[in-house]
């Protein structure tokens, strides 16, 4: 009823109303009826020029758009970066020791990638395979002589420890290198498989698992040092929180380094033809 009355007054002041104008007013009316009612009543009851009326209604619509806060959220998004003050940290924890432990985890990741994630099964990766024998863990090269007969075949001589053959076969088959060993007496032959897409994808999955293990290792070091801070006596709450935040920031940096190594390895494994 209110909208119909407005349209009647509008026709008296200005003339015919276009369908676009009607849709515009109905849309605005649905957004905020009280504000629209006050403003449009003033417009219709006062005999201003049409240009002034349009200007007033434009300002009204502009006001209703001021509720968006998306820009404010974008401004707040970049906040929260932690500044690492090693001088302050060193007064509470052994910073060099913590960093060394985290770096060791990164180096272990690199070694795992070299030993276990080669597109081609190298003699070196086979030599370092862990074999559980007589309740102890040995490398395969400690139990056998390993030679490359030709580019497509590795030969493992188990004559020194023939009783370790079953354990060696199991270690080779479960190595994740897509190997299918064949036993002939005390000798094991390993055909070097052709690199397939499926093999590449399996290696990439193994790489992700190793990176996850690396990330967990770094977090373990982080948690250990955060606990040390919490147990330390005489620290103010503000200082303790600041140190904890800095420890987490340092750990995040090492994890980011590990992730870059993983991404590079993943590209190497899947990206090559």
C-alpha atoms as a PDB file:
ATOM      1  CA  UNK A   1       0.000   0.000   0.000  1.00  0.00           C
ATOM      2  CA  UNK A   2       2.829   2.368   0.950  1.00  0.00           C
ATOM      3  CA  UNK A   3       4.778   1.648  -2.260  1.00  0.00           C
ATOM      4  CA  UNK A   4       1.649   2.139  -4.426  1.00  0.00           C
ATOM      5  CA  UNK A   5       1.040   5.556  -2.827  1.00  0.00           C
ATOM      6  CA  UNK A   6       4.653   6.559  -3.524  1.00  0.00           C
ATOM      7  CA  UNK A   7       4.276   5.666  -7.206  1.00  0.00           C
ATOM      8  CA  UNK A   8       1.065   7.731  -7.461  1.00  0.00           C
ATOM      9  CA  UNK A   9       2.810  10.814  -5.973  1.00  0.00           C
ATOM     10  CA  UNK A  10       5.827  10.229  -8.190  1.00  0.00           C
ATOM     11  CA  UNK A  11       3.618  10.307 -11.318  1.00  0.00           C
ATOM     12  CA  UNK A  12       2.159  13.606 -10.132  1.00  0.00           C
ATOM     13  CA  UNK A  13       5.625  15.158  -9.609  1.00  0.00           C
ATOM     14  CA  UNK A  14       7.579  13.732 -12.550  1.00  0.00           C
ATOM     15  CA  UNK A  15       5.388  11.761 -14.901  1.00  0.00           C
ATOM     16  CA  UNK A  16       5.385   8.132 -16.090  1.00  0.00           C
ATOM     17  CA  UNK A  17       7.499   5.669 -14.126  1.00  0.00           C
ATOM     18  CA  UNK A  18       9.717   3.191 -15.979  1.00  0.00           C
ATOM     19  CA  UNK A  19       9.777  -0.515 -15.067  1.00  0.00           C
ATOM     20  CA  UNK A  20      13.453  -0.122 -14.057  1.00  0.00           C
ATOM     21  CA  UNK A  21      12.529   2.574 -11.552  1.00  0.00           C
ATOM     22  CA  UNK A  22       9.830   0.362 -10.047  1.00  0.00           C
ATOM     23  CA  UNK A  23      12.216  -2.580  -9.675  1.00  0.00           C
ATOM     24  CA  UNK A  24      14.850  -0.309  -8.143  1.00  0.00           C
ATOM     25  CA  UNK A  25      12.447   1.053  -5.518  1.00  0.00           C
ATOM     26  CA  UNK A  26      11.046  -2.369  -4.657  1.00  0.00           C
ATOM     27  CA  UNK A  27      14.576  -3.774  -4.255  1.00  0.00           C
ATOM     28  CA  UNK A  28      15.615  -0.894  -2.017  1.00  0.00           C
ATOM     29  CA  UNK A  29      12.360  -1.122  -0.059  1.00  0.00           C
ATOM     30  CA  UNK A  30      13.030  -4.778   0.699  1.00  0.00           C
ATOM     31  CA  UNK A  31      16.508  -3.926   2.012  1.00  0.00           C
ATOM     32  CA  UNK A  32      15.452  -1.364   4.646  1.00  0.00           C
ATOM     33  CA  UNK A  33      11.769  -0.409   4.763  1.00  0.00           C
ATOM     34  CA  UNK A  34      11.989   2.152   7.617  1.00  0.00           C
ATOM     35  CA  UNK A  35      14.749   4.264   6.060  1.00  0.00           C
ATOM     36  CA  UNK A  36      13.105   4.086   2.634  1.00  0.00           C
ATOM     37  CA  UNK A  37       9.735   5.131   4.026  1.00  0.00           C
ATOM     38  CA  UNK A  38      11.132   8.244   5.756  1.00  0.00           C
ATOM     39  CA  UNK A  39      13.162   9.381   2.739  1.00  0.00           C
ATOM     40  CA  UNK A  40      10.641   8.666   0.001  1.00  0.00           C
ATOM     41  CA  UNK A  41       7.814  10.306   1.941  1.00  0.00           C
ATOM     42  CA  UNK A  42       9.894  13.495   2.052  1.00  0.00           C
ATOM     43  CA  UNK A  43      10.633  13.222  -1.665  1.00  0.00           C
ATOM     44  CA  UNK A  44       7.009  12.704  -2.695  1.00  0.00           C
ATOM     45  CA  UNK A  45       5.525  15.381  -0.446  1.00  0.00           C
ATOM     46  CA  UNK A  46       8.031  18.096  -1.459  1.00  0.00           C
ATOM     47  CA  UNK A  47       7.779  19.518  -4.984  1.00  0.00           C
ATOM     48  CA  UNK A  48      11.495  19.492  -5.859  1.00  0.00           C
ATOM     49  CA  UNK A  49      12.836  19.343  -9.350  1.00  0.00           C
ATOM     50  CA  UNK A  50      13.192  15.818 -10.777  1.00  0.00           C
ATOM     51  CA  UNK A  51      16.984  16.169 -10.836  1.00  0.00           C
ATOM     52  CA  UNK A  52      17.013  16.798  -7.086  1.00  0.00           C
ATOM     53  CA  UNK A  53      14.698  13.874  -6.466  1.00  0.00           C
ATOM     54  CA  UNK A  54      16.957  11.544  -8.419  1.00  0.00           C
ATOM     55  CA  UNK A  55      19.981  12.873  -6.574  1.00  0.00           C
ATOM     56  CA  UNK A  56      18.317  12.269  -3.195  1.00  0.00           C
ATOM     57  CA  UNK A  57      17.282   8.712  -4.086  1.00  0.00           C
ATOM     58  CA  UNK A  58      20.806   7.989  -5.372  1.00  0.00           C
ATOM     59  CA  UNK A  59      22.257   9.105  -2.051  1.00  0.00           C
ATOM     60  CA  UNK A  60      19.800   6.878  -0.244  1.00  0.00           C
ATOM     61  CA  UNK A  61      20.873   3.809  -2.231  1.00  0.00           C
ATOM     62  CA  UNK A  62      24.503   4.692  -1.619  1.00  0.00           C
ATOM     63  CA  UNK A  63      23.906   4.690   2.156  1.00  0.00           C
ATOM     64  CA  UNK A  64      22.452   1.183   2.065  1.00  0.00           C
ATOM     65  CA  UNK A  65      25.719  -0.112   0.499  1.00  0.00           C
ATOM     66  CA  UNK A  66      27.929   0.996   3.386  1.00  0.00           C
ATOM     67  CA  UNK A  67      27.350  -2.230   5.334  1.00  0.00           C
ATOM     68  CA  UNK A  68      29.996  -4.268   3.434  1.00  0.00           C
ATOM     69  CA  UNK A  69      33.123  -4.974   5.502  1.00  0.00           C
ATOM     70  CA  UNK A  70      35.115  -7.059   3.033  1.00  0.00           C
ATOM     71  CA  UNK A  71      37.875  -4.430   2.726  1.00  0.00           C
ATOM     72  CA  UNK A  72      38.352  -4.338   6.492  1.00  0.00           C
ATOM     73  CA  UNK A  73      38.790  -8.109   6.563  1.00  0.00           C
ATOM     74  CA  UNK A  74      41.468  -7.910   3.854  1.00  0.00           C
ATOM     75  CA  UNK A  75      43.372  -5.323   5.882  1.00  0.00           C
ATOM     76  CA  UNK A  76      43.391  -7.582   8.949  1.00  0.00           C
ATOM     77  CA  UNK A  77      44.502 -10.651   6.974  1.00  0.00           C
ATOM     78  CA  UNK A  78      48.195  -9.717   6.858  1.00  0.00           C
ATOM     79  CA  UNK A  79      48.531  -9.146  10.614  1.00  0.00           C
ATOM     80  CA  UNK A  80      50.081 -11.535  13.122  1.00  0.00           C
ATOM     81  CA  UNK A  81      53.620 -12.047  11.773  1.00  0.00           C
ATOM     82  CA  UNK A  82      56.008 -12.962  14.587  1.00  0.00           C
ATOM     83  CA  UNK A  83      59.381 -11.236  14.814  1.00  0.00           C
ATOM     84  CA  UNK A  84      62.115 -13.595  16.066  1.00  0.00           C
ATOM     85  CA  UNK A  85      64.468 -12.005  18.611  1.00  0.00           C
ATOM     86  CA  UNK A  86      67.276 -14.528  19.126  1.00  0.00           C
ATOM     87  CA  UNK A  87      68.866 -12.431  21.859  1.00  0.00           C
ATOM     88  CA  UNK A  88      65.666 -12.631  23.865  1.00  0.00           C
ATOM     89  CA  UNK A  89      65.244 -16.331  23.049  1.00  0.00           C
ATOM     90  CA  UNK A  90      68.782 -17.231  24.103  1.00  0.00           C
ATOM     91  CA  UNK A  91      68.039 -15.969  27.613  1.00  0.00           C
ATOM     92  CA  UNK A  92      65.349 -18.631  27.962  1.00  0.00           C
ATOM     93  CA  UNK A  93      66.343 -21.607  25.758  1.00  0.00           C
ATOM     94  CA  UNK A  94      69.354 -22.934  23.866  1.00  0.00           C
ATOM     95  CA  UNK A  95      68.485 -21.549  20.427  1.00  0.00           C
ATOM     96  CA  UNK A  96      71.425 -23.102  18.565  1.00  0.00           C
ATOM     97  CA  UNK A  97      70.638 -26.543  19.971  1.00  0.00           C
ATOM     98  CA  UNK A  98      66.964 -26.262  18.982  1.00  0.00           C
ATOM     99  CA  UNK A  99      67.827 -25.132  15.457  1.00  0.00           C
ATOM    100  CA  UNK A 100      70.410 -27.908  15.137  1.00  0.00           C
ATOM    101  CA  UNK A 101      67.806 -30.520  16.068  1.00  0.00           C
ATOM    102  CA  UNK A 102      65.342 -29.145  13.537  1.00  0.00           C
ATOM    103  CA  UNK A 103      68.029 -28.991  10.854  1.00  0.00           C
ATOM    104  CA  UNK A 104      68.925 -32.639  11.543  1.00  0.00           C
ATOM    105  CA  UNK A 105      65.319 -33.574  10.754  1.00  0.00           C
ATOM    106  CA  UNK A 106      65.608 -31.723   7.427  1.00  0.00           C
ATOM    107  CA  UNK A 107      68.887 -33.492   6.594  1.00  0.00           C
ATOM    108  CA  UNK A 108      67.285 -36.831   7.420  1.00  0.00           C
ATOM    109  CA  UNK A 109      64.487 -36.015   4.963  1.00  0.00           C
ATOM    110  CA  UNK A 110      67.043 -35.283   2.240  1.00  0.00           C
ATOM    111  CA  UNK A 111      68.832 -38.589   2.926  1.00  0.00           C
ATOM    112  CA  UNK A 112      65.540 -40.501   2.815  1.00  0.00           C
ATOM    113  CA  UNK A 113      64.683 -38.937  -0.532  1.00  0.00           C
ATOM    114  CA  UNK A 114      68.062 -39.921  -1.993  1.00  0.00           C
ATOM    115  CA  UNK A 115      68.029 -43.483  -0.636  1.00  0.00           C
ATOM    116  CA  UNK A 116      64.392 -44.406  -1.145  1.00  0.00           C
ATOM    117  CA  UNK A 117      62.929 -42.264  -3.903  1.00  0.00           C
ATOM    118  CA  UNK A 118      65.112 -42.731  -6.938  1.00  0.00           C
ATOM    119  CA  UNK A 119      63.379 -43.226 -10.281  1.00  0.00           C
ATOM    120  CA  UNK A 120      66.023 -45.811 -11.070  1.00  0.00           C
ATOM    121  CA  UNK A 121      67.031 -48.385  -8.457  1.00  0.00           C
ATOM    122  CA  UNK A 122      70.715 -47.649  -7.838  1.00  0.00           C
ATOM    123  CA  UNK A 123      73.245 -49.966  -6.219  1.00  0.00           C
ATOM    124  CA  UNK A 124      73.642 -47.464  -3.382  1.00  0.00           C
ATOM    125  CA  UNK A 125      69.919 -47.460  -2.539  1.00  0.00           C
ATOM    126  CA  UNK A 126      69.909 -51.287  -2.428  1.00  0.00           C
ATOM    127  CA  UNK A 127      73.044 -51.433  -0.268  1.00  0.00           C
ATOM    128  CA  UNK A 128      71.455 -49.274   2.416  1.00  0.00           C
ATOM    129  CA  UNK A 129      68.187 -51.207   2.638  1.00  0.00           C
ATOM    130  CA  UNK A 130      67.446 -52.079   6.291  1.00  0.00           C
ATOM    131  CA  UNK A 131      67.208 -55.835   6.904  1.00  0.00           C
ATOM    132  CA  UNK A 132      65.952 -57.231  10.210  1.00  0.00           C
ATOM    133  CA  UNK A 133      68.027 -60.329  10.969  1.00  0.00           C
ATOM    134  CA  UNK A 134      68.508 -62.174  14.291  1.00  0.00           C
ATOM    135  CA  UNK A 135      66.505 -59.474  16.118  1.00  0.00           C
ATOM    136  CA  UNK A 136      68.854 -56.743  14.908  1.00  0.00           C
ATOM    137  CA  UNK A 137      68.679 -54.309  12.041  1.00  0.00           C
ATOM    138  CA  UNK A 138      71.447 -54.431   9.435  1.00  0.00           C
ATOM    139  CA  UNK A 139      71.966 -52.833   6.054  1.00  0.00           C
ATOM    140  CA  UNK A 140      71.875 -55.262   3.152  1.00  0.00           C
ATOM    141  CA  UNK A 141      75.511 -54.544   2.304  1.00  0.00           C
ATOM    142  CA  UNK A 142      76.525 -55.866   5.745  1.00  0.00           C
ATOM    143  CA  UNK A 143      75.016 -59.256   4.876  1.00  0.00           C
ATOM    144  CA  UNK A 144      75.817 -59.593   1.168  1.00  0.00           C
ATOM    145  CA  UNK A 145      77.961 -58.594  -1.794  1.00  0.00           C
ATOM    146  CA  UNK A 146      76.056 -56.423  -4.249  1.00  0.00           C
ATOM    147  CA  UNK A 147      77.134 -55.793  -7.836  1.00  0.00           C
ATOM    148  CA  UNK A 148      75.466 -54.502 -10.992  1.00  0.00           C
ATOM    149  CA  UNK A 149      75.686 -57.232 -13.616  1.00  0.00           C
ATOM    150  CA  UNK A 150      74.369 -54.938 -16.361  1.00  0.00           C
ATOM    151  CA  UNK A 151      72.263 -51.768 -16.578  1.00  0.00           C
ATOM    152  CA  UNK A 152      69.104 -53.835 -16.092  1.00  0.00           C
ATOM    153  CA  UNK A 153      70.141 -56.308 -13.378  1.00  0.00           C
ATOM    154  CA  UNK A 154      71.566 -56.229  -9.834  1.00  0.00           C
ATOM    155  CA  UNK A 155      73.153 -59.366  -8.341  1.00  0.00           C
ATOM    156  CA  UNK A 156      73.215 -59.987  -4.581  1.00  0.00           C
ATOM    157  CA  UNK A 157      75.521 -62.722  -3.300  1.00  0.00           C
ATOM    158  CA  UNK A 158      74.200 -64.039   0.042  1.00  0.00           C
ATOM    159  CA  UNK A 159      76.704 -66.889   0.455  1.00  0.00           C
ATOM    160  CA  UNK A 160      78.234 -65.367   3.615  1.00  0.00           C
ATOM    161  CA  UNK A 161      74.871 -65.214   5.441  1.00  0.00           C
ATOM    162  CA  UNK A 162      72.554 -67.629   3.578  1.00  0.00           C
ATOM    163  CA  UNK A 163      70.251 -67.799   6.625  1.00  0.00           C
ATOM    164  CA  UNK A 164      69.488 -64.092   6.054  1.00  0.00           C
ATOM    165  CA  UNK A 165      68.070 -64.694   2.561  1.00  0.00           C
ATOM    166  CA  UNK A 166      64.358 -64.709   3.634  1.00  0.00           C
ATOM    167  CA  UNK A 167      64.847 -61.437   5.546  1.00  0.00           C
ATOM    168  CA  UNK A 168      66.707 -59.894   2.606  1.00  0.00           C
ATOM    169  CA  UNK A 169      63.984 -60.889   0.156  1.00  0.00           C
ATOM    170  CA  UNK A 170      61.322 -59.368   2.396  1.00  0.00           C
ATOM    171  CA  UNK A 171      63.291 -56.125   2.755  1.00  0.00           C
ATOM    172  CA  UNK A 172      63.694 -55.827  -1.022  1.00  0.00           C
ATOM    173  CA  UNK A 173      60.043 -56.599  -1.773  1.00  0.00           C
ATOM    174  CA  UNK A 174      58.758 -54.073   0.784  1.00  0.00           C
ATOM    175  CA  UNK A 175      61.282 -51.346  -0.049  1.00  0.00           C
ATOM    176  CA  UNK A 176      58.766 -49.325  -2.071  1.00  0.00           C
ATOM    177  CA  UNK A 177      61.109 -49.364  -5.086  1.00  0.00           C
ATOM    178  CA  UNK A 178      58.874 -51.653  -7.164  1.00  0.00           C
ATOM    179  CA  UNK A 179      61.443 -54.471  -7.112  1.00  0.00           C
ATOM    180  CA  UNK A 180      60.744 -58.143  -7.806  1.00  0.00           C
ATOM    181  CA  UNK A 181      63.759 -60.190  -6.545  1.00  0.00           C
ATOM    182  CA  UNK A 182      64.419 -63.695  -7.854  1.00  0.00           C
ATOM    183  CA  UNK A 183      66.388 -66.236  -5.799  1.00  0.00           C
ATOM    184  CA  UNK A 184      68.736 -68.826  -7.269  1.00  0.00           C
ATOM    185  CA  UNK A 185      70.517 -70.706  -4.466  1.00  0.00           C
ATOM    186  CA  UNK A 186      72.439 -68.162  -2.406  1.00  0.00           C
ATOM    187  CA  UNK A 187      72.170 -65.528  -5.141  1.00  0.00           C
ATOM    188  CA  UNK A 188      69.392 -62.986  -5.530  1.00  0.00           C
ATOM    189  CA  UNK A 189      68.797 -61.334  -8.898  1.00  0.00           C
ATOM    190  CA  UNK A 190      66.970 -58.025  -9.063  1.00  0.00           C
ATOM    191  CA  UNK A 191      65.663 -56.912 -12.482  1.00  0.00           C
ATOM    192  CA  UNK A 192      65.591 -53.125 -12.672  1.00  0.00           C
ATOM    193  CA  UNK A 193      61.968 -52.263 -13.520  1.00  0.00           C
ATOM    194  CA  UNK A 194      60.909 -49.871 -16.243  1.00  0.00           C
ATOM    195  CA  UNK A 195      59.762 -46.545 -14.835  1.00  0.00           C
ATOM    196  CA  UNK A 196      55.968 -46.383 -15.209  1.00  0.00           C
ATOM    197  CA  UNK A 197      53.457 -43.669 -14.386  1.00  0.00           C
ATOM    198  CA  UNK A 198      52.109 -45.825 -11.549  1.00  0.00           C
ATOM    199  CA  UNK A 199      55.621 -46.217 -10.137  1.00  0.00           C
ATOM    200  CA  UNK A 200      56.154 -42.442 -10.265  1.00  0.00           C
ATOM    201  CA  UNK A 201      52.878 -41.835  -8.436  1.00  0.00           C
ATOM    202  CA  UNK A 202      53.773 -44.398  -5.743  1.00  0.00           C
ATOM    203  CA  UNK A 203      57.129 -42.723  -5.217  1.00  0.00           C
ATOM    204  CA  UNK A 204      55.392 -39.341  -4.942  1.00  0.00           C
ATOM    205  CA  UNK A 205      53.089 -40.767  -2.255  1.00  0.00           C
ATOM    206  CA  UNK A 206      56.119 -42.100  -0.383  1.00  0.00           C
ATOM    207  CA  UNK A 207      57.698 -38.645  -0.639  1.00  0.00           C
ATOM    208  CA  UNK A 208      54.631 -37.078   0.977  1.00  0.00           C
ATOM    209  CA  UNK A 209      54.734 -39.631   3.806  1.00  0.00           C
ATOM    210  CA  UNK A 210      58.397 -38.860   4.432  1.00  0.00           C
ATOM    211  CA  UNK A 211      57.666 -35.113   4.456  1.00  0.00           C
ATOM    212  CA  UNK A 212      54.827 -35.660   6.954  1.00  0.00           C
ATOM    213  CA  UNK A 213      57.250 -37.602   9.135  1.00  0.00           C
ATOM    214  CA  UNK A 214      59.741 -34.722   8.843  1.00  0.00           C
ATOM    215  CA  UNK A 215      57.075 -32.174   9.794  1.00  0.00           C
ATOM    216  CA  UNK A 216      56.095 -34.237  12.833  1.00  0.00           C
ATOM    217  CA  UNK A 217      59.757 -34.449  13.847  1.00  0.00           C
ATOM    218  CA  UNK A 218      60.147 -30.678  13.731  1.00  0.00           C
ATOM    219  CA  UNK A 219      56.948 -30.220  15.746  1.00  0.00           C
ATOM    220  CA  UNK A 220      58.285 -32.659  18.351  1.00  0.00           C
ATOM    221  CA  UNK A 221      61.362 -30.454  18.789  1.00  0.00           C
ATOM    222  CA  UNK A 222      59.102 -27.399  19.004  1.00  0.00           C
ATOM    223  CA  UNK A 223      56.860 -28.975  21.661  1.00  0.00           C
ATOM    224  CA  UNK A 224      59.858 -30.072  23.714  1.00  0.00           C
ATOM    225  CA  UNK A 225      61.242 -26.532  23.892  1.00  0.00           C
ATOM    226  CA  UNK A 226      57.833 -24.953  24.532  1.00  0.00           C
ATOM    227  CA  UNK A 227      57.479 -27.275  27.530  1.00  0.00           C
ATOM    228  CA  UNK A 228      60.884 -26.110  28.760  1.00  0.00           C
ATOM    229  CA  UNK A 229      59.646 -22.517  28.621  1.00  0.00           C
ATOM    230  CA  UNK A 230      56.498 -23.384  30.575  1.00  0.00           C
ATOM    231  CA  UNK A 231      58.557 -25.131  33.265  1.00  0.00           C
ATOM    232  CA  UNK A 232      61.016 -22.268  33.591  1.00  0.00           C
ATOM    233  CA  UNK A 233      60.540 -20.254  36.761  1.00  0.00           C
ATOM    234  CA  UNK A 234      60.632 -16.478  37.014  1.00  0.00           C
ATOM    235  CA  UNK A 235      59.295 -15.727  33.512  1.00  0.00           C
ATOM    236  CA  UNK A 236      56.484 -13.227  33.110  1.00  0.00           C
ATOM    237  CA  UNK A 237      53.434 -14.385  31.169  1.00  0.00           C
ATOM    238  CA  UNK A 238      54.119 -11.876  28.383  1.00  0.00           C
ATOM    239  CA  UNK A 239      57.720 -13.042  27.955  1.00  0.00           C
ATOM    240  CA  UNK A 240      56.707 -16.720  28.050  1.00  0.00           C
ATOM    241  CA  UNK A 241      54.060 -16.168  25.372  1.00  0.00           C
ATOM    242  CA  UNK A 242      56.486 -14.192  23.223  1.00  0.00           C
ATOM    243  CA  UNK A 243      59.142 -16.929  23.443  1.00  0.00           C
ATOM    244  CA  UNK A 244      56.615 -19.660  22.656  1.00  0.00           C
ATOM    245  CA  UNK A 245      55.387 -17.735  19.601  1.00  0.00           C
ATOM    246  CA  UNK A 246      58.976 -17.291  18.389  1.00  0.00           C
ATOM    247  CA  UNK A 247      59.742 -21.012  18.825  1.00  0.00           C
ATOM    248  CA  UNK A 248      56.674 -21.853  16.732  1.00  0.00           C
ATOM    249  CA  UNK A 249      57.736 -19.306  14.091  1.00  0.00           C
ATOM    250  CA  UNK A 250      61.196 -20.890  13.833  1.00  0.00           C
ATOM    251  CA  UNK A 251      59.626 -24.353  13.528  1.00  0.00           C
ATOM    252  CA  UNK A 252      57.311 -23.054  10.791  1.00  0.00           C
ATOM    253  CA  UNK A 253      60.381 -21.832   8.899  1.00  0.00           C
ATOM    254  CA  UNK A 254      62.009 -25.268   8.974  1.00  0.00           C
ATOM    255  CA  UNK A 255      58.741 -26.928   7.929  1.00  0.00           C
ATOM    256  CA  UNK A 256      58.498 -24.492   5.029  1.00  0.00           C
ATOM    257  CA  UNK A 257      62.041 -25.482   4.002  1.00  0.00           C
ATOM    258  CA  UNK A 258      61.081 -29.168   4.171  1.00  0.00           C
ATOM    259  CA  UNK A 259      57.968 -28.514   2.101  1.00  0.00           C
ATOM    260  CA  UNK A 260      60.048 -26.861  -0.637  1.00  0.00           C
ATOM    261  CA  UNK A 261      62.322 -29.927  -0.735  1.00  0.00           C
ATOM    262  CA  UNK A 262      59.260 -32.172  -0.954  1.00  0.00           C
ATOM    263  CA  UNK A 263      57.663 -30.107  -3.743  1.00  0.00           C
ATOM    264  CA  UNK A 264      60.908 -30.200  -5.745  1.00  0.00           C
ATOM    265  CA  UNK A 265      61.146 -33.985  -5.294  1.00  0.00           C
ATOM    266  CA  UNK A 266      57.508 -34.437  -6.258  1.00  0.00           C
ATOM    267  CA  UNK A 267      58.048 -32.455  -9.450  1.00  0.00           C
ATOM    268  CA  UNK A 268      61.136 -34.542 -10.206  1.00  0.00           C
ATOM    269  CA  UNK A 269      59.241 -37.805  -9.710  1.00  0.00           C
ATOM    270  CA  UNK A 270      56.063 -36.953 -11.586  1.00  0.00           C
ATOM    271  CA  UNK A 271      57.206 -34.242 -13.967  1.00  0.00           C
ATOM    272  CA  UNK A 272      59.878 -36.148 -15.896  1.00  0.00           C
ATOM    273  CA  UNK A 273      59.034 -38.232 -18.948  1.00  0.00           C
END
